[in-house]
PDB file of N, CA and C in Angstrom:
ATOM      1  N   MET A   1     -14.545 -14.212 -12.674  1.00  0.00           N
ATOM      2  CA  MET A   1     -14.161 -14.906 -10.997  1.00  0.00           C
ATOM      3  C   MET A   1     -13.473 -14.344 -10.226  1.00  0.00           C
ATOM      4  N   PHE A   2     -13.627 -13.712  -9.089  1.00  0.00           N
ATOM      5  CA  PHE A   2     -12.470 -13.282  -8.220  1.00  0.00           C
ATOM      6  C   PHE A   2     -12.185 -14.742  -7.400  1.00  0.00           C
ATOM      7  N   ASP A   3     -11.014 -15.381  -7.164  1.00  0.00           N
ATOM      8  CA  ASP A   3     -10.616 -16.264  -6.076  1.00  0.00           C
ATOM      9  C   ASP A   3     -10.421 -15.687  -4.321  1.00  0.00           C
ATOM     10  N   ARG A   4     -10.453 -16.831  -3.199  1.00  0.00           N
ATOM     11  CA  ARG A   4     -10.814 -15.347  -1.830  1.00  0.00           C
ATOM     12  C   ARG A   4      -9.506 -14.739  -2.023  1.00  0.00           C
ATOM     13  N   ASP A   5      -8.031 -15.610  -2.497  1.00  0.00           N
ATOM     14  CA  ASP A   5      -6.759 -14.496  -2.183  1.00  0.00           C
ATOM     15  C   ASP A   5      -7.091 -12.834  -2.959  1.00  0.00           C
ATOM     16  N   SER A   6      -7.132 -12.875  -3.788  1.00  0.00           N
ATOM     17  CA  SER A   6      -7.397 -12.043  -4.612  1.00  0.00           C
ATOM     18  C   SER A   6      -8.135 -10.870  -3.847  1.00  0.00           C
ATOM     19  N   ILE A   7      -9.742 -11.615  -3.287  1.00  0.00           N
ATOM     20  CA  ILE A   7     -10.538 -10.528  -2.776  1.00  0.00           C
ATOM     21  C   ILE A   7     -10.006  -9.943  -0.989  1.00  0.00           C
ATOM     22  N   ASP A   8      -8.944 -10.658  -0.848  1.00  0.00           N
ATOM     23  CA  ASP A   8      -8.358 -10.604   0.757  1.00  0.00           C
ATOM     24  C   ASP A   8      -7.458  -9.211   0.123  1.00  0.00           C
ATOM     25  N   LEU A   9      -6.398  -9.528  -0.975  1.00  0.00           N
ATOM     26  CA  LEU A   9      -5.497  -8.474  -1.570  1.00  0.00           C
ATOM     27  C   LEU A   9      -6.396  -7.243  -1.483  1.00  0.00           C
ATOM     28  N   ARG A  10      -7.059  -7.599  -2.100  1.00  0.00           N
ATOM     29  CA  ARG A  10      -8.033  -6.145  -3.061  1.00  0.00           C
ATOM     30  C   ARG A  10      -8.512  -5.570  -0.971  1.00  0.00           C
ATOM     31  N   THR A  11      -9.014  -6.141  -0.337  1.00  0.00           N
ATOM     32  CA  THR A  11      -9.331  -5.357   0.974  1.00  0.00           C
ATOM     33  C   THR A  11      -8.573  -4.865   1.832  1.00  0.00           C
ATOM     34  N   ALA A  12      -7.502  -5.687   1.681  1.00  0.00           N
ATOM     35  CA  ALA A  12      -6.334  -5.233   2.485  1.00  0.00           C
ATOM     36  C   ALA A  12      -5.175  -3.511   1.761  1.00  0.00           C
ATOM     37  N   PHE A  13      -5.315  -3.685   0.492  1.00  0.00           N
ATOM     38  CA  PHE A  13      -5.395  -2.709  -0.412  1.00  0.00           C
ATOM     39  C   PHE A  13      -6.348  -1.934  -0.109  1.00  0.00           C
ATOM     40  N   ASP A  14      -7.324  -1.867  -0.155  1.00  0.00           N
ATOM     41  CA  ASP A  14      -8.564  -0.593   0.110  1.00  0.00           C
ATOM     42  C   ASP A  14      -8.317  -0.303   1.384  1.00  0.00           C
ATOM     43  N   LEU A  15      -7.901  -0.915   2.671  1.00  0.00           N
ATOM     44  CA  LEU A  15      -7.535  -0.410   3.913  1.00  0.00           C
ATOM     45  C   LEU A  15      -6.642   0.640   3.920  1.00  0.00           C
ATOM     46  N   LEU A  16      -5.606   0.273   3.105  1.00  0.00           N
ATOM     47  CA  LEU A  16      -4.245   1.194   2.528  1.00  0.00           C
ATOM     48  C   LEU A  16      -4.421   2.737   2.071  1.00  0.00           C
ATOM     49  N   ASP A  17      -5.343   2.474   1.011  1.00  0.00           N
ATOM     50  CA  ASP A  17      -5.950   3.386   0.689  1.00  0.00           C
ATOM     51  C   ASP A  17      -6.834   4.232   0.550  1.00  0.00           C
ATOM     52  N   ARG A  18      -6.337   5.104   1.883  1.00  0.00           N
ATOM     53  CA  ARG A  18      -7.401   5.731   2.732  1.00  0.00           C
ATOM     54  C   ARG A  18      -8.203   7.046   1.338  1.00  0.00           C
ATOM     55  N   ASP A  19      -7.341   7.244   0.641  1.00  0.00           N
ATOM     56  CA  ASP A  19      -8.151   8.382  -0.305  1.00  0.00           C
ATOM     57  C   ASP A  19      -9.172   7.700  -1.280  1.00  0.00           C
ATOM     58  N   GLN A  20      -8.518   6.288  -1.289  1.00  0.00           N
ATOM     59  CA  GLN A  20      -9.656   5.687  -2.173  1.00  0.00           C
ATOM     60  C   GLN A  20      -9.612   5.947  -4.011  1.00  0.00           C
ATOM     61  N   ASP A  21      -8.083   6.454  -3.947  1.00  0.00           N
ATOM     62  CA  ASP A  21      -7.973   6.893  -5.143  1.00  0.00           C
ATOM     63  C   ASP A  21      -7.091   5.666  -6.441  1.00  0.00           C
ATOM     64  N   GLY A  22      -6.991   4.516  -5.804  1.00  0.00           N
ATOM     65  CA  GLY A  22      -6.770   3.038  -6.274  1.00  0.00           C
ATOM     66  C   GLY A  22      -4.878   3.350  -6.182  1.00  0.00           C
ATOM     67  N   HIS A  23      -4.238   4.177  -5.513  1.00  0.00           N
ATOM     68  CA  HIS A  23      -2.670   4.386  -5.492  1.00  0.00           C
ATOM     69  C   HIS A  23      -2.673   4.409  -3.470  1.00  0.00           C
ATOM     70  N   VAL A  24      -1.532   3.855  -3.019  1.00  0.00           N
ATOM     71  CA  VAL A  24      -0.563   3.494  -1.781  1.00  0.00           C
ATOM     72  C   VAL A  24       0.344   4.471  -2.186  1.00  0.00           C
ATOM     73  N   THR A  25       0.236   5.925  -1.037  1.00  0.00           N
ATOM     74  CA  THR A  25       1.111   6.304  -1.287  1.00  0.00           C
ATOM     75  C   THR A  25       1.877   6.330   0.155  1.00  0.00           C
ATOM     76  N   PRO A  26       3.110   6.856  -0.145  1.00  0.00           N
ATOM     77  CA  PRO A  26       3.811   6.834   1.417  1.00  0.00           C
ATOM     78  C   PRO A  26       3.354   7.146   2.893  1.00  0.00           C
ATOM     79  N   GLU A  27       2.673   7.969   2.950  1.00  0.00           N
ATOM     80  CA  GLU A  27       1.944   8.726   3.643  1.00  0.00           C
ATOM     81  C   GLU A  27       1.136   7.971   4.102  1.00  0.00           C
ATOM     82  N   GLU A  28       0.328   7.282   3.227  1.00  0.00           N
ATOM     83  CA  GLU A  28      -1.091   6.412   3.473  1.00  0.00           C
ATOM     84  C   GLU A  28      -0.109   4.939   4.476  1.00  0.00           C
ATOM     85  N   LEU A  29       0.709   4.594   3.873  1.00  0.00           N
ATOM     86  CA  LEU A  29       1.537   3.433   4.226  1.00  0.00           C
ATOM     87  C   LEU A  29       1.833   4.023   5.762  1.00  0.00           C
ATOM     88  N   GLN A  30       2.518   5.060   5.601  1.00  0.00           N
ATOM     89  CA  GLN A  30       3.584   5.683   7.036  1.00  0.00           C
ATOM     90  C   GLN A  30       2.261   5.481   8.059  1.00  0.00           C
ATOM     91  N   PHE A  31       0.800   6.222   7.429  1.00  0.00           N
ATOM     92  CA  PHE A  31      -0.469   6.075   8.844  1.00  0.00           C
ATOM     93  C   PHE A  31      -0.887   4.863   8.922  1.00  0.00           C
ATOM     94  N   MET A  32      -0.922   4.038   7.915  1.00  0.00           N
ATOM     95  CA  MET A  32      -1.341   2.676   8.716  1.00  0.00           C
ATOM     96  C   MET A  32      -0.305   1.841   9.815  1.00  0.00           C
ATOM     97  N   LEU A  33       1.167   2.286   9.192  1.00  0.00           N
ATOM     98  CA  LEU A  33       1.531   1.255  10.476  1.00  0.00           C
ATOM     99  C   LEU A  33       2.177   2.400  11.507  1.00  0.00           C
ATOM    100  N   ARG A  34       1.754   2.891  11.390  1.00  0.00           N
ATOM    101  CA  ARG A  34       1.986   4.221  12.646  1.00  0.00           C
ATOM    102  C   ARG A  34       0.920   3.466  13.834  1.00  0.00           C
ATOM    103  N   ASN A  35      -0.483   3.369  12.843  1.00  0.00           N
ATOM    104  CA  ASN A  35      -1.536   3.214  14.392  1.00  0.00           C
ATOM    105  C   ASN A  35      -1.389   1.803  14.063  1.00  0.00           C
ATOM    106  N   LEU A  36      -0.489   0.742  13.522  1.00  0.00           N
ATOM    107  CA  LEU A  36      -0.641  -0.915  14.515  1.00  0.00           C
ATOM    108  C   LEU A  36       0.886  -0.100  15.247  1.00  0.00           C
ATOM    109  N   GLY A  37       1.434   0.648  15.809  1.00  0.00           N
ATOM    110  CA  GLY A  37       2.506   0.666  16.343  1.00  0.00           C
ATOM    111  C   GLY A  37       3.657   0.164  15.828  1.00  0.00           C
ATOM    112  N   ILE A  38       3.659   0.430  14.691  1.00  0.00           N
ATOM    113  CA  ILE A  38       5.100   0.366  13.712  1.00  0.00           C
ATOM    114  C   ILE A  38       5.718   1.236  13.561  1.00  0.00           C
ATOM    115  N   HIS A  39       6.742   1.777  13.864  1.00  0.00           N
ATOM    116  CA  HIS A  39       7.605   3.027  13.741  1.00  0.00           C
ATOM    117  C   HIS A  39       8.414   2.814  12.736  1.00  0.00           C
ATOM    118  N   VAL A  40       8.794   3.121  11.279  1.00  0.00           N
ATOM    119  CA  VAL A  40       9.729   2.938  10.177  1.00  0.00           C
ATOM    120  C   VAL A  40       9.880   4.665   9.971  1.00  0.00           C
ATOM    121  N   ARG A  41      11.137   4.328   9.167  1.00  0.00           N
ATOM    122  CA  ARG A  41      11.722   5.643   8.866  1.00  0.00           C
ATOM    123  C   ARG A  41      11.226   5.941   7.622  1.00  0.00           C
ATOM    124  N   ASP A  42      11.113   7.448   6.797  1.00  0.00           N
ATOM    125  CA  ASP A  42      10.283   7.654   5.948  1.00  0.00           C
ATOM    126  C   ASP A  42      11.222   7.010   4.457  1.00  0.00           C
ATOM    127  N   GLU A  43      12.548   6.857   4.718  1.00  0.00           N
ATOM    128  CA  GLU A  43      13.402   5.920   4.056  1.00  0.00           C
ATOM    129  C   GLU A  43      13.059   4.775   3.569  1.00  0.00           C
ATOM    130  N   LEU A  44      12.429   3.886   4.086  1.00  0.00           N
ATOM    131  CA  LEU A  44      12.091   2.297   4.285  1.00  0.00           C
ATOM    132  C   LEU A  44      11.134   2.612   3.624  1.00  0.00           C
ATOM    133  N   ILE A  45      10.187   3.527   3.831  1.00  0.00           N
ATOM    134  CA  ILE A  45       8.924   3.320   3.244  1.00  0.00           C
ATOM    135  C   ILE A  45       8.771   3.560   1.628  1.00  0.00           C
ATOM    136  N   ASP A  46       9.711   4.230   1.307  1.00  0.00           N
ATOM    137  CA  ASP A  46       9.725   4.873   0.174  1.00  0.00           C
ATOM    138  C   ASP A  46      10.540   3.563  -0.879  1.00  0.00           C
ATOM    139  N   ASP A  47      11.452   3.038  -0.517  1.00  0.00           N
ATOM    140  CA  ASP A  47      12.117   1.502  -0.879  1.00  0.00           C
ATOM    141  C   ASP A  47      11.212   0.152  -0.740  1.00  0.00           C
ATOM    142  N   LEU A  48       9.790   0.315  -0.329  1.00  0.00           N
ATOM    143  CA  LEU A  48       9.170  -0.270  -0.072  1.00  0.00           C
ATOM    144  C   LEU A  48       8.179  -0.509  -1.496  1.00  0.00           C
ATOM    145  N   LEU A  49       7.729   0.973  -1.180  1.00  0.00           N
ATOM    146  CA  LEU A  49       6.930   1.415  -2.660  1.00  0.00           C
ATOM    147  C   LEU A  49       7.208   1.095  -3.687  1.00  0.00           C
ATOM    148  N   ARG A  50       8.709   1.358  -3.916  1.00  0.00           N
ATOM    149  CA  ARG A  50       9.182   1.379  -4.828  1.00  0.00           C
ATOM    150  C   ARG A  50       9.292   0.335  -5.012  1.00  0.00           C
ATOM    151  N   GLU A  51       9.575  -0.883  -4.431  1.00  0.00           N
ATOM    152  CA  GLU A  51      10.160  -2.510  -4.609  1.00  0.00           C
ATOM    153  C   GLU A  51       8.568  -2.925  -5.292  1.00  0.00           C
ATOM    154  N   ALA A  52       7.250  -2.619  -4.901  1.00  0.00           N
ATOM    155  CA  ALA A  52       6.163  -3.213  -5.012  1.00  0.00           C
ATOM    156  C   ALA A  52       5.377  -2.094  -6.392  1.00  0.00           C
ATOM    157  N   SER A  53       6.484  -1.261  -7.214  1.00  0.00           N
ATOM    158  CA  SER A  53       5.391  -0.622  -8.119  1.00  0.00           C
ATOM    159  C   SER A  53       6.395  -0.255  -9.118  1.00  0.00           C
ATOM    160  N   ARG A  54       5.442  -0.592 -10.407  1.00  0.00           N
ATOM    161  CA  ARG A  54       5.956  -0.847 -11.796  1.00  0.00           C
ATOM    162  C   ARG A  54       6.562   0.602 -11.593  1.00  0.00           C
ATOM    163  N   THR A  55       6.278   1.509 -11.391  1.00  0.00           N
ATOM    164  CA  THR A  55       6.418   3.360 -11.326  1.00  0.00           C
ATOM    165  C   THR A  55       7.329   3.733 -10.702  1.00  0.00           C
ATOM    166  N   GLY A  56       7.723   2.805  -9.554  1.00  0.00           N
ATOM    167  CA  GLY A  56       9.011   3.262  -8.541  1.00  0.00           C
ATOM    168  C   GLY A  56       8.770   4.203  -8.068  1.00  0.00           C
ATOM    169  N   GLN A  57       7.085   5.040  -7.753  1.00  0.00           N
ATOM    170  CA  GLN A  57       6.802   6.619  -7.478  1.00  0.00           C
ATOM    171  C   GLN A  57       5.638   5.252  -6.017  1.00  0.00           C
ATOM    172  N   GLN A  58       4.712   4.810  -6.665  1.00  0.00           N
ATOM    173  CA  GLN A  58       3.494   4.487  -5.755  1.00  0.00           C
ATOM    174  C   GLN A  58       3.402   3.131  -5.784  1.00  0.00           C
ATOM    175  N   THR A  59       2.295   2.595  -5.265  1.00  0.00           N
ATOM    176  CA  THR A  59       1.796   1.214  -5.518  1.00  0.00           C
ATOM    177  C   THR A  59       0.446   1.549  -5.534  1.00  0.00           C
ATOM    178  N   SER A  60      -0.016   0.956  -7.197  1.00  0.00           N
ATOM    179  CA  SER A  60      -1.132   1.181  -7.411  1.00  0.00           C
ATOM    180  C   SER A  60      -2.219  -0.351  -7.300  1.00  0.00           C
ATOM    181  N   TRP A  61      -3.510  -0.528  -7.416  1.00  0.00           N
ATOM    182  CA  TRP A  61      -4.014  -1.513  -7.532  1.00  0.00           C
ATOM    183  C   TRP A  61      -3.960  -3.001  -8.679  1.00  0.00           C
ATOM    184  N   ILE A  62      -3.347  -1.573 -10.236  1.00  0.00           N
ATOM    185  CA  ILE A  62      -3.401  -2.468 -11.013  1.00  0.00           C
ATOM    186  C   ILE A  62      -1.940  -2.673 -11.046  1.00  0.00           C
ATOM    187  N   ASP A  63      -1.059  -2.484 -10.294  1.00  0.00           N
ATOM    188  CA  ASP A  63       0.281  -3.250  -9.873  1.00  0.00           C
ATOM    189  C   ASP A  63       0.810  -4.325  -9.318  1.00  0.00           C
ATOM    190  N   THR A  64      -0.502  -4.264  -8.260  1.00  0.00           N
ATOM    191  CA  THR A  64      -0.658  -6.144  -7.504  1.00  0.00           C
ATOM    192  C   THR A  64      -0.598  -7.247  -8.614  1.00  0.00           C
TER     193      THR A  64
END
């Protein structure tokens, strides 16, 4: 059984994962941020995903 926080986290992840492949790429994160009016350098996006990911490449639902 999932608790409310897990469900909220999964919903947020699914919004970022535009192609629904189970991974959030730098391009998907950058797309979402730009749509929110937040402009971030590509290098910062790469750093954020590297920090969040076990593989250092992109983050996946399994990593969370």
